[in-house]
Amino acid sequence: MAANRKWYQDRRLWVEAFVLVNLAFLSVDIYIAHSVNEFRRWPEYIPLYFSLAAPAVLLVGLLAGEWGGYRSAWRDLGYLVGWAAVAVGWSA
């Protein structure tokens, strides 16, 4: 980000914030979808717990990357959450 630009003018930051919020609201969708059968099988909780934890992890990375100066933390935590999402989706 250029030194003369404000944080709210950073398009990349807005896209990343959109992805983070979208992932956070996914937990509501998963809860509604799995409530139909009342979480009959225990593996149905795995995507729910993941979708609750992933936005928190990404938020830590976003704050560390944007305001803490640790860009690599944001990238690495993004990769971690992304690969974990693939593993959760593959196992479900």
PDB file of N, CA and C in Angstrom:
ATOM      1  N   MET A   1       0.849  -1.165   0.000  1.00  0.00           N
ATOM      2  CA  MET A   1       0.000   0.000   0.000  1.00  0.00           C
ATOM      3  C   MET A   1       0.897   1.231   0.000  1.00  0.00           C
ATOM      4  N   ALA A   2       0.560   2.194  -0.829  1.00  0.00           N
ATOM      5  CA  ALA A   2       1.354   3.413  -0.903  1.00  0.00           C
ATOM      6  C   ALA A   2       1.228   4.198   0.402  1.00  0.00           C
ATOM      7  N   ALA A   3       2.274   4.959   0.713  1.00  0.00           N
ATOM      8  CA  ALA A   3       2.313   5.687   1.978  1.00  0.00           C
ATOM      9  C   ALA A   3       1.237   6.761   2.059  1.00  0.00           C
ATOM     10  N   ASN A   4       0.823   7.322   0.916  1.00  0.00           N
ATOM     11  CA  ASN A   4      -0.153   8.402   0.944  1.00  0.00           C
ATOM     12  C   ASN A   4      -1.601   7.903   0.893  1.00  0.00           C
ATOM     13  N   ARG A   5      -1.807   6.616   0.773  1.00  0.00           N
ATOM     14  CA  ARG A   5      -3.161   6.064   0.713  1.00  0.00           C
ATOM     15  C   ARG A   5      -3.621   5.661   2.101  1.00  0.00           C
ATOM     16  N   LYS A   6      -4.884   5.863   2.349  1.00  0.00           N
ATOM     17  CA  LYS A   6      -5.492   5.468   3.617  1.00  0.00           C
ATOM     18  C   LYS A   6      -5.889   4.005   3.539  1.00  0.00           C
ATOM     19  N   TRP A   7      -6.071   3.364   4.702  1.00  0.00           N
ATOM     20  CA  TRP A   7      -6.425   1.949   4.734  1.00  0.00           C
ATOM     21  C   TRP A   7      -7.753   1.684   4.041  1.00  0.00           C
ATOM     22  N   TYR A   8      -8.694   2.614   4.121  1.00  0.00           N
ATOM     23  CA  TYR A   8     -10.011   2.400   3.521  1.00  0.00           C
ATOM     24  C   TYR A   8      -9.994   2.590   2.003  1.00  0.00           C
ATOM     25  N   GLN A   9      -8.881   3.015   1.452  1.00  0.00           N
ATOM     26  CA  GLN A   9      -8.740   3.131   0.004  1.00  0.00           C
ATOM     27  C   GLN A   9      -8.018   1.929  -0.602  1.00  0.00           C
ATOM     28  N   ASP A  10      -7.626   0.988   0.219  1.00  0.00           N
ATOM     29  CA  ASP A  10      -6.885  -0.188  -0.233  1.00  0.00           C
ATOM     30  C   ASP A  10      -7.869  -1.254  -0.709  1.00  0.00           C
ATOM     31  N   ARG A  11      -7.959  -1.450  -2.016  1.00  0.00           N
ATOM     32  CA  ARG A  11      -8.918  -2.412  -2.582  1.00  0.00           C
ATOM     33  C   ARG A  11      -8.603  -3.842  -2.166  1.00  0.00           C
ATOM     34  N   ARG A  12      -7.317  -4.171  -2.085  1.00  0.00           N
ATOM     35  CA  ARG A  12      -6.928  -5.525  -1.681  1.00  0.00           C
ATOM     36  C   ARG A  12      -7.417  -5.824  -0.272  1.00  0.00           C
ATOM     37  N   LEU A  13      -7.296  -4.845   0.605  1.00  0.00           N
ATOM     38  CA  LEU A  13      -7.767  -5.023   1.982  1.00  0.00           C
ATOM     39  C   LEU A  13      -9.273  -5.238   2.019  1.00  0.00           C
ATOM     40  N   TRP A  14     -10.020  -4.522   1.199  1.00  0.00           N
ATOM     41  CA  TRP A  14     -11.468  -4.700   1.156  1.00  0.00           C
ATOM     42  C   TRP A  14     -11.851  -6.092   0.641  1.00  0.00           C
ATOM     43  N   VAL A  15     -11.133  -6.580  -0.355  1.00  0.00           N
ATOM     44  CA  VAL A  15     -11.414  -7.930  -0.864  1.00  0.00           C
ATOM     45  C   VAL A  15     -11.116  -8.968   0.214  1.00  0.00           C
ATOM     46  N   GLU A  16     -10.004  -8.811   0.903  1.00  0.00           N
ATOM     47  CA  GLU A  16      -9.652  -9.761   1.956  1.00  0.00           C
ATOM     48  C   GLU A  16     -10.640  -9.696   3.113  1.00  0.00           C
ATOM     49  N   ALA A  17     -11.103  -8.505   3.463  1.00  0.00           N
ATOM     50  CA  ALA A  17     -12.114  -8.368   4.514  1.00  0.00           C
ATOM     51  C   ALA A  17     -13.428  -9.005   4.076  1.00  0.00           C
ATOM     52  N   PHE A  18     -13.783  -8.861   2.798  1.00  0.00           N
ATOM     53  CA  PHE A  18     -15.001  -9.487   2.275  1.00  0.00           C
ATOM     54  C   PHE A  18     -14.920 -11.005   2.384  1.00  0.00           C
ATOM     55  N   VAL A  19     -13.780 -11.561   2.035  1.00  0.00           N
ATOM     56  CA  VAL A  19     -13.595 -13.011   2.127  1.00  0.00           C
ATOM     57  C   VAL A  19     -13.707 -13.468   3.581  1.00  0.00           C
ATOM     58  N   LEU A  20     -13.104 -12.729   4.483  1.00  0.00           N
ATOM     59  CA  LEU A  20     -13.142 -13.074   5.899  1.00  0.00           C
ATOM     60  C   LEU A  20     -14.581 -13.058   6.427  1.00  0.00           C
ATOM     61  N   VAL A  21     -15.337 -12.016   6.104  1.00  0.00           N
ATOM     62  CA  VAL A  21     -16.728 -11.913   6.567  1.00  0.00           C
ATOM     63  C   VAL A  21     -17.585 -12.992   5.913  1.00  0.00           C
ATOM     64  N   ASN A  22     -17.346 -13.262   4.643  1.00  0.00           N
ATOM     65  CA  ASN A  22     -18.098 -14.304   3.946  1.00  0.00           C
ATOM     66  C   ASN A  22     -17.875 -15.665   4.602  1.00  0.00           C
ATOM     67  N   LEU A  23     -16.647 -15.956   4.957  1.00  0.00           N
ATOM     68  CA  LEU A  23     -16.333 -17.208   5.636  1.00  0.00           C
ATOM     69  C   LEU A  23     -16.986 -17.261   7.016  1.00  0.00           C
ATOM     70  N   ALA A  24     -17.058 -16.120   7.681  1.00  0.00           N
ATOM     71  CA  ALA A  24     -17.692 -16.072   9.000  1.00  0.00           C
ATOM     72  C   ALA A  24     -19.188 -16.372   8.896  1.00  0.00           C
ATOM     73  N   PHE A  25     -19.861 -15.839   7.887  1.00  0.00           N
ATOM     74  CA  PHE A  25     -21.290 -16.093   7.732  1.00  0.00           C
ATOM     75  C   PHE A  25     -21.576 -17.499   7.222  1.00  0.00           C
ATOM     76  N   LEU A  26     -20.562 -18.170   6.718  1.00  0.00           N
ATOM     77  CA  LEU A  26     -20.729 -19.553   6.297  1.00  0.00           C
ATOM     78  C   LEU A  26     -21.102 -20.444   7.477  1.00  0.00           C
ATOM     79  N   SER A  27     -20.645 -20.103   8.664  1.00  0.00           N
ATOM     80  CA  SER A  27     -20.979 -20.900   9.849  1.00  0.00           C
ATOM     81  C   SER A  27     -22.485 -20.887  10.108  1.00  0.00           C
ATOM     82  N   VAL A  28     -23.140 -19.775   9.836  1.00  0.00           N
ATOM     83  CA  VAL A  28     -24.600 -19.702   9.998  1.00  0.00           C
ATOM     84  C   VAL A  28     -25.272 -20.627   8.992  1.00  0.00           C
ATOM     85  N   ASP A  29     -24.791 -20.604   7.763  1.00  0.00           N
ATOM     86  CA  ASP A  29     -25.331 -21.472   6.722  1.00  0.00           C
ATOM     87  C   ASP A  29     -25.146 -22.942   7.071  1.00  0.00           C
ATOM     88  N   ILE A  30     -23.962 -23.301   7.546  1.00  0.00           N
ATOM     89  CA  ILE A  30     -23.692 -24.687   7.924  1.00  0.00           C
ATOM     90  C   ILE A  30     -24.581 -25.104   9.085  1.00  0.00           C
ATOM     91  N   TYR A  31     -24.744 -24.220  10.057  1.00  0.00           N
ATOM     92  CA  TYR A  31     -25.596 -24.544  11.203  1.00  0.00           C
ATOM     93  C   TYR A  31     -27.032 -24.803  10.744  1.00  0.00           C
ATOM     94  N   ILE A  32     -27.557 -23.967   9.881  1.00  0.00           N
ATOM     95  CA  ILE A  32     -28.934 -24.159   9.394  1.00  0.00           C
ATOM     96  C   ILE A  32     -29.044 -25.447   8.602  1.00  0.00           C
ATOM     97  N   ALA A  33     -28.080 -25.704   7.724  1.00  0.00           N
ATOM     98  CA  ALA A  33     -28.136 -26.897   6.878  1.00  0.00           C
ATOM     99  C   ALA A  33     -28.060 -28.181   7.697  1.00  0.00           C
ATOM    100  N   HIS A  34     -27.205 -28.212   8.705  1.00  0.00           N
ATOM    101  CA  HIS A  34     -27.044 -29.433   9.484  1.00  0.00           C
ATOM    102  C   HIS A  34     -28.079 -29.551  10.601  1.00  0.00           C
ATOM    103  N   SER A  35     -28.782 -28.470  10.898  1.00  0.00           N
ATOM    104  CA  SER A  35     -29.844 -28.536  11.896  1.00  0.00           C
ATOM    105  C   SER A  35     -31.075 -29.265  11.365  1.00  0.00           C
ATOM    106  N   VAL A  36     -31.160 -29.362  10.043  1.00  0.00           N
ATOM    107  CA  VAL A  36     -32.312 -30.046   9.444  1.00  0.00           C
ATOM    108  C   VAL A  36     -32.403 -31.475   9.964  1.00  0.00           C
ATOM    109  N   ASN A  37     -31.278 -32.152  10.079  1.00  0.00           N
ATOM    110  CA  ASN A  37     -31.288 -33.514  10.607  1.00  0.00           C
ATOM    111  C   ASN A  37     -30.761 -33.569  12.042  1.00  0.00           C
ATOM    112  N   GLU A  38     -30.734 -32.409  12.687  1.00  0.00           N
ATOM    113  CA  GLU A  38     -30.346 -32.289  14.094  1.00  0.00           C
ATOM    114  C   GLU A  38     -28.945 -32.843  14.372  1.00  0.00           C
ATOM    115  N   PHE A  39     -28.022 -32.602  13.469  1.00  0.00           N
ATOM    116  CA  PHE A  39     -26.623 -33.052  13.622  1.00  0.00           C
ATOM    117  C   PHE A  39     -26.574 -34.528  14.021  1.00  0.00           C
ATOM    118  N   ARG A  40     -27.282 -35.332  13.254  1.00  0.00           N
ATOM    119  CA  ARG A  40     -27.435 -36.746  13.582  1.00  0.00           C
ATOM    120  C   ARG A  40     -26.107 -37.486  13.689  1.00  0.00           C
ATOM    121  N   ARG A  41     -25.148 -37.144  12.849  1.00  0.00           N
ATOM    122  CA  ARG A  41     -23.840 -37.804  12.890  1.00  0.00           C
ATOM    123  C   ARG A  41     -22.802 -36.809  13.388  1.00  0.00           C
ATOM    124  N   TRP A  42     -21.855 -37.256  14.193  1.00  0.00           N
ATOM    125  CA  TRP A  42     -20.869 -36.353  14.783  1.00  0.00           C
ATOM    126  C   TRP A  42     -19.971 -35.658  13.768  1.00  0.00           C
ATOM    127  N   PRO A  43     -19.649 -36.257  12.597  1.00  0.00           N
ATOM    128  CA  PRO A  43     -18.790 -35.528  11.643  1.00  0.00           C
ATOM    129  C   PRO A  43     -19.426 -34.247  11.097  1.00  0.00           C
ATOM    130  N   GLU A  44     -20.732 -34.083  11.268  1.00  0.00           N
ATOM    131  CA  GLU A  44     -21.381 -32.867  10.794  1.00  0.00           C
ATOM    132  C   GLU A  44     -20.963 -31.644  11.615  1.00  0.00           C
ATOM    133  N   TYR A  45     -20.382 -31.869  12.781  1.00  0.00           N
ATOM    134  CA  TYR A  45     -19.906 -30.757  13.600  1.00  0.00           C
ATOM    135  C   TYR A  45     -18.562 -30.214  13.123  1.00  0.00           C
ATOM    136  N   ILE A  46     -17.795 -31.013  12.402  1.00  0.00           N
ATOM    137  CA  ILE A  46     -16.453 -30.606  11.979  1.00  0.00           C
ATOM    138  C   ILE A  46     -16.497 -29.339  11.109  1.00  0.00           C
ATOM    139  N   PRO A  47     -17.325 -29.285  10.055  1.00  0.00           N
ATOM    140  CA  PRO A  47     -17.357 -28.042   9.264  1.00  0.00           C
ATOM    141  C   PRO A  47     -17.876 -26.844  10.065  1.00  0.00           C
ATOM    142  N   LEU A  48     -18.769 -27.102  10.998  1.00  0.00           N
ATOM    143  CA  LEU A  48     -19.290 -26.006  11.822  1.00  0.00           C
ATOM    144  C   LEU A  48     -18.187 -25.415  12.689  1.00  0.00           C
ATOM    145  N   TYR A  49     -17.458 -26.268  13.373  1.00  0.00           N
ATOM    146  CA  TYR A  49     -16.378 -25.786  14.231  1.00  0.00           C
ATOM    147  C   TYR A  49     -15.282 -25.111  13.408  1.00  0.00           C
ATOM    148  N   PHE A  50     -14.992 -25.685  12.246  1.00  0.00           N
ATOM    149  CA  PHE A  50     -13.979 -25.080  11.383  1.00  0.00           C
ATOM    150  C   PHE A  50     -14.412 -23.692  10.929  1.00  0.00           C
ATOM    151  N   SER A  51     -15.676 -23.561  10.532  1.00  0.00           N
ATOM    152  CA  SER A  51     -16.144 -22.263  10.042  1.00  0.00           C
ATOM    153  C   SER A  51     -16.267 -21.231  11.157  1.00  0.00           C
ATOM    154  N   LEU A  52     -16.282 -21.663  12.393  1.00  0.00           N
ATOM    155  CA  LEU A  52     -16.251 -20.723  13.512  1.00  0.00           C
ATOM    156  C   LEU A  52     -14.814 -20.303  13.835  1.00  0.00           C
ATOM    157  N   ALA A  53     -13.869 -21.227  13.692  1.00  0.00           N
ATOM    158  CA  ALA A  53     -12.481 -20.945  14.047  1.00  0.00           C
ATOM    159  C   ALA A  53     -11.719 -20.229  12.925  1.00  0.00           C
ATOM    160  N   ALA A  54     -11.996 -20.561  11.684  1.00  0.00           N
ATOM    161  CA  ALA A  54     -11.226 -20.017  10.562  1.00  0.00           C
ATOM    162  C   ALA A  54     -11.268 -18.487  10.480  1.00  0.00           C
ATOM    163  N   PRO A  55     -12.426 -17.844  10.622  1.00  0.00           N
ATOM    164  CA  PRO A  55     -12.407 -16.371  10.570  1.00  0.00           C
ATOM    165  C   PRO A  55     -11.593 -15.738  11.694  1.00  0.00           C
ATOM    166  N   ALA A  56     -11.587 -16.349  12.861  1.00  0.00           N
ATOM    167  CA  ALA A  56     -10.783 -15.815  13.969  1.00  0.00           C
ATOM    168  C   ALA A  56      -9.299 -15.900  13.636  1.00  0.00           C
ATOM    169  N   VAL A  57      -8.889 -17.021  13.053  1.00  0.00           N
ATOM    170  CA  VAL A  57      -7.479 -17.186  12.661  1.00  0.00           C
ATOM    171  C   VAL A  57      -7.120 -16.168  11.566  1.00  0.00           C
ATOM    172  N   LEU A  58      -8.005 -16.006  10.593  1.00  0.00           N
ATOM    173  CA  LEU A  58      -7.737 -15.049   9.528  1.00  0.00           C
ATOM    174  C   LEU A  58      -7.726 -13.610  10.038  1.00  0.00           C
ATOM    175  N   LEU A  59      -8.564 -13.310  11.013  1.00  0.00           N
ATOM    176  CA  LEU A  59      -8.578 -11.967  11.580  1.00  0.00           C
ATOM    177  C   LEU A  59      -7.263 -11.657  12.279  1.00  0.00           C
ATOM    178  N   VAL A  60      -6.740 -12.625  13.001  1.00  0.00           N
ATOM    179  CA  VAL A  60      -5.431 -12.445  13.640  1.00  0.00           C
ATOM    180  C   VAL A  60      -4.363 -12.189  12.574  1.00  0.00           C
ATOM    181  N   GLY A  61      -4.397 -12.966  11.507  1.00  0.00           N
ATOM    182  CA  GLY A  61      -3.438 -12.775  10.427  1.00  0.00           C
ATOM    183  C   GLY A  61      -3.601 -11.438   9.736  1.00  0.00           C
ATOM    184  N   LEU A  62      -4.837 -11.017   9.524  1.00  0.00           N
ATOM    185  CA  LEU A  62      -5.090  -9.730   8.881  1.00  0.00           C
ATOM    186  C   LEU A  62      -4.567  -8.580   9.731  1.00  0.00           C
ATOM    187  N   LEU A  63      -4.850  -8.624  11.019  1.00  0.00           N
ATOM    188  CA  LEU A  63      -4.359  -7.571  11.909  1.00  0.00           C
ATOM    189  C   LEU A  63      -2.840  -7.574  11.997  1.00  0.00           C
ATOM    190  N   ALA A  64      -2.260  -8.751  12.060  1.00  0.00           N
ATOM    191  CA  ALA A  64      -0.797  -8.847  12.115  1.00  0.00           C
ATOM    192  C   ALA A  64      -0.165  -8.359  10.818  1.00  0.00           C
ATOM    193  N   GLY A  65      -0.803  -8.661   9.704  1.00  0.00           N
ATOM    194  CA  GLY A  65      -0.241  -8.275   8.411  1.00  0.00           C
ATOM    195  C   GLY A  65      -0.411  -6.807   8.086  1.00  0.00           C
ATOM    196  N   GLU A  66      -1.589  -6.263   8.356  1.00  0.00           N
ATOM    197  CA  GLU A  66      -1.866  -4.884   7.972  1.00  0.00           C
ATOM    198  C   GLU A  66      -1.317  -3.872   8.967  1.00  0.00           C
ATOM    199  N   TRP A  67      -1.482  -4.148  10.246  1.00  0.00           N
ATOM    200  CA  TRP A  67      -1.104  -3.146  11.234  1.00  0.00           C
ATOM    201  C   TRP A  67       0.105  -3.553  12.071  1.00  0.00           C
ATOM    202  N   GLY A  68       0.449  -4.813  12.036  1.00  0.00           N
ATOM    203  CA  GLY A  68       1.612  -5.258  12.792  1.00  0.00           C
ATOM    204  C   GLY A  68       2.867  -5.378  11.950  1.00  0.00           C
ATOM    205  N   GLY A  69       2.705  -5.294  10.632  1.00  0.00           N
ATOM    206  CA  GLY A  69       3.853  -5.377   9.750  1.00  0.00           C
ATOM    207  C   GLY A  69       4.313  -6.787   9.432  1.00  0.00           C
ATOM    208  N   TYR A  70       3.527  -7.789   9.808  1.00  0.00           N
ATOM    209  CA  TYR A  70       3.903  -9.179   9.565  1.00  0.00           C
ATOM    210  C   TYR A  70       3.110  -9.725   8.379  1.00  0.00           C
ATOM    211  N   ARG A  71       3.448  -9.284   7.182  1.00  0.00           N
ATOM    212  CA  ARG A  71       2.741  -9.732   5.974  1.00  0.00           C
ATOM    213  C   ARG A  71       2.812 -11.246   5.798  1.00  0.00           C
ATOM    214  N   SER A  72       3.933 -11.829   6.177  1.00  0.00           N
ATOM    215  CA  SER A  72       4.079 -13.274   6.001  1.00  0.00           C
ATOM    216  C   SER A  72       3.114 -14.036   6.904  1.00  0.00           C
ATOM    217  N   ALA A  73       2.765 -13.487   8.061  1.00  0.00           N
ATOM    218  CA  ALA A  73       1.802 -14.149   8.948  1.00  0.00           C
ATOM    219  C   ALA A  73       0.443 -14.220   8.275  1.00  0.00           C
ATOM    220  N   TRP A  74       0.041 -13.134   7.628  1.00  0.00           N
ATOM    221  CA  TRP A  74      -1.248 -13.115   6.928  1.00  0.00           C
ATOM    222  C   TRP A  74      -1.255 -14.140   5.799  1.00  0.00           C
ATOM    223  N   ARG A  75      -0.184 -14.190   5.037  1.00  0.00           N
ATOM    224  CA  ARG A  75      -0.085 -15.147   3.934  1.00  0.00           C
ATOM    225  C   ARG A  75      -0.089 -16.578   4.443  1.00  0.00           C
ATOM    226  N   ASP A  76       0.734 -16.859   5.445  1.00  0.00           N
ATOM    227  CA  ASP A  76       0.846 -18.224   5.954  1.00  0.00           C
ATOM    228  C   ASP A  76      -0.442 -18.701   6.619  1.00  0.00           C
ATOM    229  N   LEU A  77      -1.092 -17.835   7.380  1.00  0.00           N
ATOM    230  CA  LEU A  77      -2.360 -18.226   7.996  1.00  0.00           C
ATOM    231  C   LEU A  77      -3.449 -18.404   6.938  1.00  0.00           C
ATOM    232  N   GLY A  78      -3.386 -17.616   5.884  1.00  0.00           N
ATOM    233  CA  GLY A  78      -4.325 -17.800   4.770  1.00  0.00           C
ATOM    234  C   GLY A  78      -4.153 -19.153   4.106  1.00  0.00           C
ATOM    235  N   TYR A  79      -2.900 -19.540   3.882  1.00  0.00           N
ATOM    236  CA  TYR A  79      -2.631 -20.864   3.319  1.00  0.00           C
ATOM    237  C   TYR A  79      -3.089 -21.966   4.273  1.00  0.00           C
ATOM    238  N   LEU A  80      -2.827 -21.785   5.550  1.00  0.00           N
ATOM    239  CA  LEU A  80      -3.242 -22.777   6.544  1.00  0.00           C
ATOM    240  C   LEU A  80      -4.751 -22.974   6.526  1.00  0.00           C
ATOM    241  N   VAL A  81      -5.490 -21.885   6.553  1.00  0.00           N
ATOM    242  CA  VAL A  81      -6.955 -21.972   6.543  1.00  0.00           C
ATOM    243  C   VAL A  81      -7.442 -22.551   5.214  1.00  0.00           C
ATOM    244  N   GLY A  82      -6.838 -22.144   4.120  1.00  0.00           N
ATOM    245  CA  GLY A  82      -7.241 -22.671   2.819  1.00  0.00           C
ATOM    246  C   GLY A  82      -7.054 -24.168   2.691  1.00  0.00           C
ATOM    247  N   TRP A  83      -5.873 -24.656   3.084  1.00  0.00           N
ATOM    248  CA  TRP A  83      -5.617 -26.096   3.010  1.00  0.00           C
ATOM    249  C   TRP A  83      -6.461 -26.858   4.025  1.00  0.00           C
ATOM    250  N   ALA A  84      -6.693 -26.284   5.184  1.00  0.00           N
ATOM    251  CA  ALA A  84      -7.560 -26.935   6.171  1.00  0.00           C
ATOM    252  C   ALA A  84      -8.992 -27.018   5.651  1.00  0.00           C
ATOM    253  N   ALA A  85      -9.439 -25.999   4.925  1.00  0.00           N
ATOM    254  CA  ALA A  85     -10.783 -26.037   4.334  1.00  0.00           C
ATOM    255  C   ALA A  85     -10.895 -27.148   3.296  1.00  0.00           C
ATOM    256  N   VAL A  86      -9.834 -27.336   2.527  1.00  0.00           N
ATOM    257  CA  VAL A  86      -9.835 -28.432   1.549  1.00  0.00           C
ATOM    258  C   VAL A  86      -9.901 -29.775   2.289  1.00  0.00           C
ATOM    259  N   ALA A  87      -9.143 -29.919   3.365  1.00  0.00           N
ATOM    260  CA  ALA A  87      -9.141 -31.166   4.116  1.00  0.00           C
ATOM    261  C   ALA A  87     -10.505 -31.421   4.771  1.00  0.00           C
ATOM    262  N   VAL A  88     -11.123 -30.390   5.312  1.00  0.00           N
ATOM    263  CA  VAL A  88     -12.443 -30.552   5.929  1.00  0.00           C
ATOM    264  C   VAL A  88     -13.477 -30.920   4.872  1.00  0.00           C
ATOM    265  N   GLY A  89     -13.418 -30.260   3.723  1.00  0.00           N
ATOM    266  CA  GLY A  89     -14.360 -30.568   2.645  1.00  0.00           C
ATOM    267  C   GLY A  89     -14.155 -31.963   2.080  1.00  0.00           C
ATOM    268  N   TRP A  90     -12.908 -32.402   2.014  1.00  0.00           N
ATOM    269  CA  TRP A  90     -12.612 -33.719   1.464  1.00  0.00           C
ATOM    270  C   TRP A  90     -13.045 -34.822   2.422  1.00  0.00           C
ATOM    271  N   SER A  91     -12.924 -34.570   3.709  1.00  0.00           N
ATOM    272  CA  SER A  91     -13.254 -35.605   4.688  1.00  0.00           C
ATOM    273  C   SER A  91     -14.746 -35.698   4.949  1.00  0.00           C
ATOM    274  N   ALA A  92     -15.478 -34.669   4.635  1.00  0.00           N
ATOM    275  CA  ALA A  92     -16.916 -34.663   4.958  1.00  0.00           C
ATOM    276  C   ALA A  92     -17.740 -35.448   3.980  1.00  0.00           C
TER     277      ALA A  92
END
